[in-house]
PDB file of N, CA and C in Angstrom:
ATOM      1  N   MET A   1      -2.954  12.642   3.843  1.00  0.00           N
ATOM      2  CA  MET A   1      -2.952  11.713   2.665  1.00  0.00           C
ATOM      3  C   MET A   1      -1.214  11.676   2.320  1.00  0.00           C
ATOM      4  N   MET A   2      -0.947  12.598   2.194  1.00  0.00           N
ATOM      5  CA  MET A   2       0.407  12.850   1.678  1.00  0.00           C
ATOM      6  C   MET A   2       1.054  11.965   3.015  1.00  0.00           C
ATOM      7  N   ASN A   3       1.427  12.444   4.313  1.00  0.00           N
ATOM      8  CA  ASN A   3       1.541  11.405   5.327  1.00  0.00           C
ATOM      9  C   ASN A   3       2.352  10.336   5.836  1.00  0.00           C
ATOM     10  N   ALA A   4       0.597  10.029   4.925  1.00  0.00           N
ATOM     11  CA  ALA A   4       0.182   8.480   5.024  1.00  0.00           C
ATOM     12  C   ALA A   4       1.295   7.466   3.983  1.00  0.00           C
ATOM     13  N   ARG A   5       0.136   8.573   2.839  1.00  0.00           N
ATOM     14  CA  ARG A   5       1.637   7.893   1.983  1.00  0.00           C
ATOM     15  C   ARG A   5       2.914   8.108   1.841  1.00  0.00           C
ATOM     16  N   GLN A   6       3.335   8.929   2.484  1.00  0.00           N
ATOM     17  CA  GLN A   6       4.777   8.962   2.959  1.00  0.00           C
ATOM     18  C   GLN A   6       5.380   7.430   3.800  1.00  0.00           C
ATOM     19  N   ALA A   7       4.668   7.273   4.676  1.00  0.00           N
ATOM     20  CA  ALA A   7       4.168   6.143   5.661  1.00  0.00           C
ATOM     21  C   ALA A   7       4.414   4.611   5.119  1.00  0.00           C
ATOM     22  N   ALA A   8       3.741   5.152   4.006  1.00  0.00           N
ATOM     23  CA  ALA A   8       4.001   3.876   3.506  1.00  0.00           C
ATOM     24  C   ALA A   8       5.141   3.402   2.366  1.00  0.00           C
ATOM     25  N   LEU A   9       5.608   5.121   1.961  1.00  0.00           N
ATOM     26  CA  LEU A   9       7.073   4.542   0.811  1.00  0.00           C
ATOM     27  C   LEU A   9       7.953   4.238   1.991  1.00  0.00           C
ATOM     28  N   GLU A  10       7.715   4.608   3.054  1.00  0.00           N
ATOM     29  CA  GLU A  10       9.126   4.304   3.950  1.00  0.00           C
ATOM     30  C   GLU A  10       8.923   2.075   4.135  1.00  0.00           C
ATOM     31  N   VAL A  11       8.188   1.697   4.282  1.00  0.00           N
ATOM     32  CA  VAL A  11       8.166   0.374   4.552  1.00  0.00           C
ATOM     33  C   VAL A  11       7.815   0.166   3.202  1.00  0.00           C
ATOM     34  N   LEU A  12       7.789  -0.076   1.566  1.00  0.00           N
ATOM     35  CA  LEU A  12       7.614  -0.143   0.525  1.00  0.00           C
ATOM     36  C   LEU A  12       9.101  -0.523   0.087  1.00  0.00           C
ATOM     37  N   LYS A  13       9.629  -1.778  -0.227  1.00  0.00           N
ATOM     38  CA  LYS A  13      10.575  -1.771  -1.004  1.00  0.00           C
ATOM     39  C   LYS A  13      10.650  -3.444  -1.239  1.00  0.00           C
ATOM     40  N   PRO A  14      11.746  -4.176  -1.700  1.00  0.00           N
ATOM     41  CA  PRO A  14      11.645  -5.200  -2.169  1.00  0.00           C
ATOM     42  C   PRO A  14      11.951  -6.538  -0.818  1.00  0.00           C
ATOM     43  N   GLY A  15      10.910  -7.625  -1.235  1.00  0.00           N
ATOM     44  CA  GLY A  15      10.524  -8.979   0.012  1.00  0.00           C
ATOM     45  C   GLY A  15       9.438  -8.450   0.924  1.00  0.00           C
ATOM     46  N   VAL A  16       9.007  -7.189   0.954  1.00  0.00           N
ATOM     47  CA  VAL A  16       8.119  -6.976   1.860  1.00  0.00           C
ATOM     48  C   VAL A  16       6.882  -7.250   1.433  1.00  0.00           C
ATOM     49  N   PRO A  17       6.049  -7.800   2.106  1.00  0.00           N
ATOM     50  CA  PRO A  17       4.641  -8.412   1.794  1.00  0.00           C
ATOM     51  C   PRO A  17       3.754  -7.028   1.299  1.00  0.00           C
ATOM     52  N   ALA A  18       3.000  -7.062   0.751  1.00  0.00           N
ATOM     53  CA  ALA A  18       2.089  -5.742   0.066  1.00  0.00           C
ATOM     54  C   ALA A  18       1.467  -5.336   1.129  1.00  0.00           C
ATOM     55  N   LYS A  19       0.694  -5.970   2.020  1.00  0.00           N
ATOM     56  CA  LYS A  19       0.190  -5.996   3.288  1.00  0.00           C
ATOM     57  C   LYS A  19       0.351  -5.191   4.036  1.00  0.00           C
ATOM     58  N   GLU A  20       1.397  -5.375   3.991  1.00  0.00           N
ATOM     59  CA  GLU A  20       2.571  -4.865   5.200  1.00  0.00           C
ATOM     60  C   GLU A  20       2.535  -3.029   4.944  1.00  0.00           C
ATOM     61  N   VAL A  21       2.499  -2.947   3.684  1.00  0.00           N
ATOM     62  CA  VAL A  21       2.812  -1.075   2.948  1.00  0.00           C
ATOM     63  C   VAL A  21       1.798  -0.795   3.488  1.00  0.00           C
ATOM     64  N   ASP A  22       0.107  -1.013   3.008  1.00  0.00           N
ATOM     65  CA  ASP A  22      -1.399  -1.098   3.759  1.00  0.00           C
ATOM     66  C   ASP A  22      -0.718  -1.140   5.150  1.00  0.00           C
ATOM     67  N   LEU A  23      -0.215  -1.042   5.954  1.00  0.00           N
ATOM     68  CA  LEU A  23      -0.912  -1.627   7.080  1.00  0.00           C
ATOM     69  C   LEU A  23       0.034   0.238   7.642  1.00  0.00           C
ATOM     70  N   ALA A  24       0.957  -0.238   6.910  1.00  0.00           N
ATOM     71  CA  ALA A  24       2.121   1.709   7.545  1.00  0.00           C
ATOM     72  C   ALA A  24       0.591   2.400   7.138  1.00  0.00           C
ATOM     73  N   ALA A  25       0.256   3.017   5.927  1.00  0.00           N
ATOM     74  CA  ALA A  25      -1.023   3.589   5.967  1.00  0.00           C
ATOM     75  C   ALA A  25      -2.267   3.817   6.816  1.00  0.00           C
ATOM     76  N   ARG A  26      -2.525   2.301   7.056  1.00  0.00           N
ATOM     77  CA  ARG A  26      -3.372   2.628   7.777  1.00  0.00           C
ATOM     78  C   ARG A  26      -3.026   2.916   9.226  1.00  0.00           C
ATOM     79  N   ARG A  27      -2.315   2.524   9.740  1.00  0.00           N
ATOM     80  CA  ARG A  27      -2.213   3.226  11.176  1.00  0.00           C
ATOM     81  C   ARG A  27      -1.610   4.548  11.148  1.00  0.00           C
ATOM     82  N   TYR A  28      -1.371   4.894  10.551  1.00  0.00           N
ATOM     83  CA  TYR A  28      -1.504   6.562  10.451  1.00  0.00           C
ATOM     84  C   TYR A  28      -2.826   7.148  10.184  1.00  0.00           C
ATOM     85  N   PHE A  29      -3.123   6.721   9.543  1.00  0.00           N
ATOM     86  CA  PHE A  29      -5.085   7.264   9.691  1.00  0.00           C
ATOM     87  C   PHE A  29      -5.326   7.069  10.860  1.00  0.00           C
ATOM     88  N   ASP A  30      -5.253   5.601  11.751  1.00  0.00           N
ATOM     89  CA  ASP A  30      -5.859   5.499  12.707  1.00  0.00           C
ATOM     90  C   ASP A  30      -5.295   5.902  14.149  1.00  0.00           C
ATOM     91  N   GLN A  31      -4.391   6.553  13.681  1.00  0.00           N
ATOM     92  CA  GLN A  31      -3.926   7.789  14.731  1.00  0.00           C
ATOM     93  C   GLN A  31      -4.453   8.538  15.361  1.00  0.00           C
ATOM     94  N   TYR A  32      -4.829   9.000  13.686  1.00  0.00           N
ATOM     95  CA  TYR A  32      -5.568  10.420  13.988  1.00  0.00           C
ATOM     96  C   TYR A  32      -6.855  10.329  13.630  1.00  0.00           C
ATOM     97  N   GLY A  33      -7.865   9.286  14.106  1.00  0.00           N
ATOM     98  CA  GLY A  33      -9.239   8.759  14.385  1.00  0.00           C
ATOM     99  C   GLY A  33      -9.549   8.737  12.846  1.00  0.00           C
ATOM    100  N   LEU A  34      -9.002   8.483  11.889  1.00  0.00           N
ATOM    101  CA  LEU A  34      -9.166   8.425  10.660  1.00  0.00           C
ATOM    102  C   LEU A  34      -9.514   7.350   9.203  1.00  0.00           C
ATOM    103  N   LEU A  35      -9.635   6.352  10.377  1.00  0.00           N
ATOM    104  CA  LEU A  35      -9.285   5.279   9.653  1.00  0.00           C
ATOM    105  C   LEU A  35     -10.814   4.991   8.631  1.00  0.00           C
ATOM    106  N   ASP A  36     -11.755   5.200   9.898  1.00  0.00           N
ATOM    107  CA  ASP A  36     -13.235   5.398   9.304  1.00  0.00           C
ATOM    108  C   ASP A  36     -13.396   5.168   7.431  1.00  0.00           C
ATOM    109  N   ASN A  37     -12.430   6.565   7.181  1.00  0.00           N
ATOM    110  CA  ASN A  37     -12.445   7.855   6.184  1.00  0.00           C
ATOM    111  C   ASN A  37     -11.695   6.908   4.922  1.00  0.00           C
ATOM    112  N   LEU A  38     -11.223   5.305   5.229  1.00  0.00           N
ATOM    113  CA  LEU A  38     -10.690   4.801   4.027  1.00  0.00           C
ATOM    114  C   LEU A  38     -10.914   4.368   3.206  1.00  0.00           C
ATOM    115  N   LEU A  39     -11.517   4.580   2.194  1.00  0.00           N
ATOM    116  CA  LEU A  39     -12.743   3.868   1.357  1.00  0.00           C
ATOM    117  C   LEU A  39     -11.830   3.010   0.065  1.00  0.00           C
ATOM    118  N   HIS A  40     -10.410   3.013   0.739  1.00  0.00           N
ATOM    119  CA  HIS A  40      -9.721   2.086  -0.547  1.00  0.00           C
ATOM    120  C   HIS A  40      -9.071   1.837  -0.537  1.00  0.00           C
ATOM    121  N   ARG A  41      -7.935   0.305  -0.806  1.00  0.00           N
ATOM    122  CA  ARG A  41      -7.132  -0.054  -1.323  1.00  0.00           C
ATOM    123  C   ARG A  41      -5.260   1.220  -0.758  1.00  0.00           C
ATOM    124  N   THR A  42      -4.299   0.984  -0.388  1.00  0.00           N
ATOM    125  CA  THR A  42      -3.430   1.693  -0.379  1.00  0.00           C
ATOM    126  C   THR A  42      -2.487   2.223  -1.702  1.00  0.00           C
ATOM    127  N   GLY A  43      -2.448   1.089  -2.643  1.00  0.00           N
ATOM    128  CA  GLY A  43      -2.234   0.851  -3.794  1.00  0.00           C
ATOM    129  C   GLY A  43      -2.413  -0.091  -5.017  1.00  0.00           C
ATOM    130  N   HIS A  44      -2.107  -0.339  -5.914  1.00  0.00           N
ATOM    131  CA  HIS A  44      -1.757  -2.009  -6.756  1.00  0.00           C
ATOM    132  C   HIS A  44      -0.407  -1.526  -7.688  1.00  0.00           C
ATOM    133  N   GLY A  45      -0.155  -2.477  -8.000  1.00  0.00           N
ATOM    134  CA  GLY A  45       0.685  -2.368  -9.499  1.00  0.00           C
ATOM    135  C   GLY A  45       0.039  -1.591 -10.435  1.00  0.00           C
ATOM    136  N   ILE A  46       0.952  -1.715 -11.199  1.00  0.00           N
ATOM    137  CA  ILE A  46       0.856  -0.978 -12.741  1.00  0.00           C
ATOM    138  C   ILE A  46       1.765  -1.316 -13.756  1.00  0.00           C
ATOM    139  N   GLY A  47       0.859  -2.275 -15.175  1.00  0.00           N
ATOM    140  CA  GLY A  47       2.015  -3.123 -16.041  1.00  0.00           C
ATOM    141  C   GLY A  47       1.426  -2.702 -17.125  1.00  0.00           C
ATOM    142  N   LEU A  48       0.521  -4.207 -17.889  1.00  0.00           N
ATOM    143  CA  LEU A  48       0.210  -3.835 -19.091  1.00  0.00           C
ATOM    144  C   LEU A  48      -1.294  -3.305 -18.713  1.00  0.00           C
ATOM    145  N   SER A  49      -1.994  -3.408 -17.551  1.00  0.00           N
ATOM    146  CA  SER A  49      -3.020  -2.625 -17.589  1.00  0.00           C
ATOM    147  C   SER A  49      -3.093  -1.538 -16.313  1.00  0.00           C
ATOM    148  N   ASN A  50      -3.967  -0.431 -16.394  1.00  0.00           N
ATOM    149  CA  ASN A  50      -3.636   0.282 -15.261  1.00  0.00           C
ATOM    150  C   ASN A  50      -3.874  -0.246 -13.703  1.00  0.00           C
ATOM    151  N   HIS A  51      -4.535  -0.985 -13.458  1.00  0.00           N
ATOM    152  CA  HIS A  51      -5.329  -1.708 -11.721  1.00  0.00           C
ATOM    153  C   HIS A  51      -4.783  -3.500 -12.054  1.00  0.00           C
ATOM    154  N   GLU A  52      -3.470  -3.882 -11.271  1.00  0.00           N
ATOM    155  CA  GLU A  52      -3.620  -4.787 -11.631  1.00  0.00           C
ATOM    156  C   GLU A  52      -2.455  -5.214 -10.186  1.00  0.00           C
ATOM    157  N   ALA A  53      -2.372  -6.615  -9.526  1.00  0.00           N
ATOM    158  CA  ALA A  53      -1.254  -7.248  -9.047  1.00  0.00           C
ATOM    159  C   ALA A  53      -0.083  -7.097  -8.930  1.00  0.00           C
ATOM    160  N   PRO A  54       0.344  -6.515  -7.387  1.00  0.00           N
ATOM    161  CA  PRO A  54       0.175  -7.010  -6.701  1.00  0.00           C
ATOM    162  C   PRO A  54      -0.532  -5.712  -6.121  1.00  0.00           C
ATOM    163  N   PHE A  55      -1.911  -5.479  -5.414  1.00  0.00           N
ATOM    164  CA  PHE A  55      -2.389  -5.493  -4.785  1.00  0.00           C
ATOM    165  C   PHE A  55      -1.918  -4.579  -3.354  1.00  0.00           C
ATOM    166  N   VAL A  56      -1.814  -3.639  -2.453  1.00  0.00           N
ATOM    167  CA  VAL A  56      -0.960  -3.228  -1.540  1.00  0.00           C
ATOM    168  C   VAL A  56      -2.428  -2.720  -0.829  1.00  0.00           C
ATOM    169  N   ALA A  57      -3.231  -3.585  -0.016  1.00  0.00           N
ATOM    170  CA  ALA A  57      -4.180  -4.070   0.538  1.00  0.00           C
ATOM    171  C   ALA A  57      -4.671  -5.111   1.880  1.00  0.00           C
ATOM    172  N   GLU A  58      -5.133  -5.401   2.544  1.00  0.00           N
ATOM    173  CA  GLU A  58      -5.210  -5.912   3.748  1.00  0.00           C
ATOM    174  C   GLU A  58      -5.322  -7.228   3.116  1.00  0.00           C
ATOM    175  N   GLY A  59      -4.739  -8.222   3.403  1.00  0.00           N
ATOM    176  CA  GLY A  59      -5.556  -9.383   3.052  1.00  0.00           C
ATOM    177  C   GLY A  59      -4.420  -9.630   1.823  1.00  0.00           C
ATOM    178  N   SER A  60      -4.049  -9.106   1.717  1.00  0.00           N
ATOM    179  CA  SER A  60      -3.070  -9.644  -0.213  1.00  0.00           C
ATOM    180  C   SER A  60      -1.800 -10.529   0.617  1.00  0.00           C
ATOM    181  N   ASP A  61      -1.593 -11.159   0.138  1.00  0.00           N
ATOM    182  CA  ASP A  61      -0.616 -12.606  -0.324  1.00  0.00           C
ATOM    183  C   ASP A  61       0.502 -12.269  -1.246  1.00  0.00           C
ATOM    184  N   ASP A  62       1.003 -11.259  -1.679  1.00  0.00           N
ATOM    185  CA  ASP A  62       1.734 -10.605  -2.266  1.00  0.00           C
ATOM    186  C   ASP A  62       2.877 -10.616  -1.473  1.00  0.00           C
ATOM    187  N   VAL A  63       3.562 -10.504  -2.298  1.00  0.00           N
ATOM    188  CA  VAL A  63       5.337  -9.709  -1.776  1.00  0.00           C
ATOM    189  C   VAL A  63       5.343  -9.018  -2.889  1.00  0.00           C
ATOM    190  N   LEU A  64       6.455  -8.087  -2.480  1.00  0.00           N
ATOM    191  CA  LEU A  64       7.100  -6.944  -3.330  1.00  0.00           C
ATOM    192  C   LEU A  64       9.006  -7.717  -4.301  1.00  0.00           C
ATOM    193  N   THR A  65       8.679  -7.367  -5.304  1.00  0.00           N
ATOM    194  CA  THR A  65      10.022  -7.866  -5.441  1.00  0.00           C
ATOM    195  C   THR A  65      10.619  -6.773  -6.894  1.00  0.00           C
ATOM    196  N   GLU A  66      11.711  -6.769  -6.679  1.00  0.00           N
ATOM    197  CA  GLU A  66      12.320  -5.538  -7.310  1.00  0.00           C
ATOM    198  C   GLU A  66      11.415  -5.388  -8.538  1.00  0.00           C
ATOM    199  N   ASN A  67      12.157  -4.437  -9.467  1.00  0.00           N
ATOM    200  CA  ASN A  67      11.576  -3.735 -10.769  1.00  0.00           C
ATOM    201  C   ASN A  67       9.897  -3.570 -10.699  1.00  0.00           C
ATOM    202  N   MET A  68       8.924  -3.856  -9.588  1.00  0.00           N
ATOM    203  CA  MET A  68       7.203  -3.978  -9.766  1.00  0.00           C
ATOM    204  C   MET A  68       7.379  -2.335  -9.533  1.00  0.00           C
ATOM    205  N   VAL A  69       6.616  -1.441 -10.145  1.00  0.00           N
ATOM    206  CA  VAL A  69       6.089  -0.424 -10.286  1.00  0.00           C
ATOM    207  C   VAL A  69       4.712  -0.695 -10.154  1.00  0.00           C
ATOM    208  N   MET A  70       4.767   0.590  -8.884  1.00  0.00           N
ATOM    209  CA  MET A  70       2.869   0.508  -7.541  1.00  0.00           C
ATOM    210  C   MET A  70       2.639   1.598  -7.867  1.00  0.00           C
ATOM    211  N   SER A  71       1.528   2.259  -7.499  1.00  0.00           N
ATOM    212  CA  SER A  71       1.016   2.999  -7.356  1.00  0.00           C
ATOM    213  C   SER A  71       0.434   3.371  -5.763  1.00  0.00           C
ATOM    214  N   CYS A  72       1.169   4.335  -5.075  1.00  0.00           N
ATOM    215  CA  CYS A  72       0.547   4.730  -3.590  1.00  0.00           C
ATOM    216  C   CYS A  72       0.157   5.713  -3.494  1.00  0.00           C
TER     217      CYS A  72
END
């Protein structure tokens, strides 16, 4: 998990589509045959509520911007 998280954090920056951050973590799991064990998205925004957009997940069209607070 920590290595997959690190792979995601290396991609996480303003201007990057959220789905690319998720893909970085998924690629890590896939290379070790663990992708089928992934039950949840890689992360999400934190704001007025704990779980909100942008969602760091497959199919997300959100693009990350500066000062967003994210879980990963």
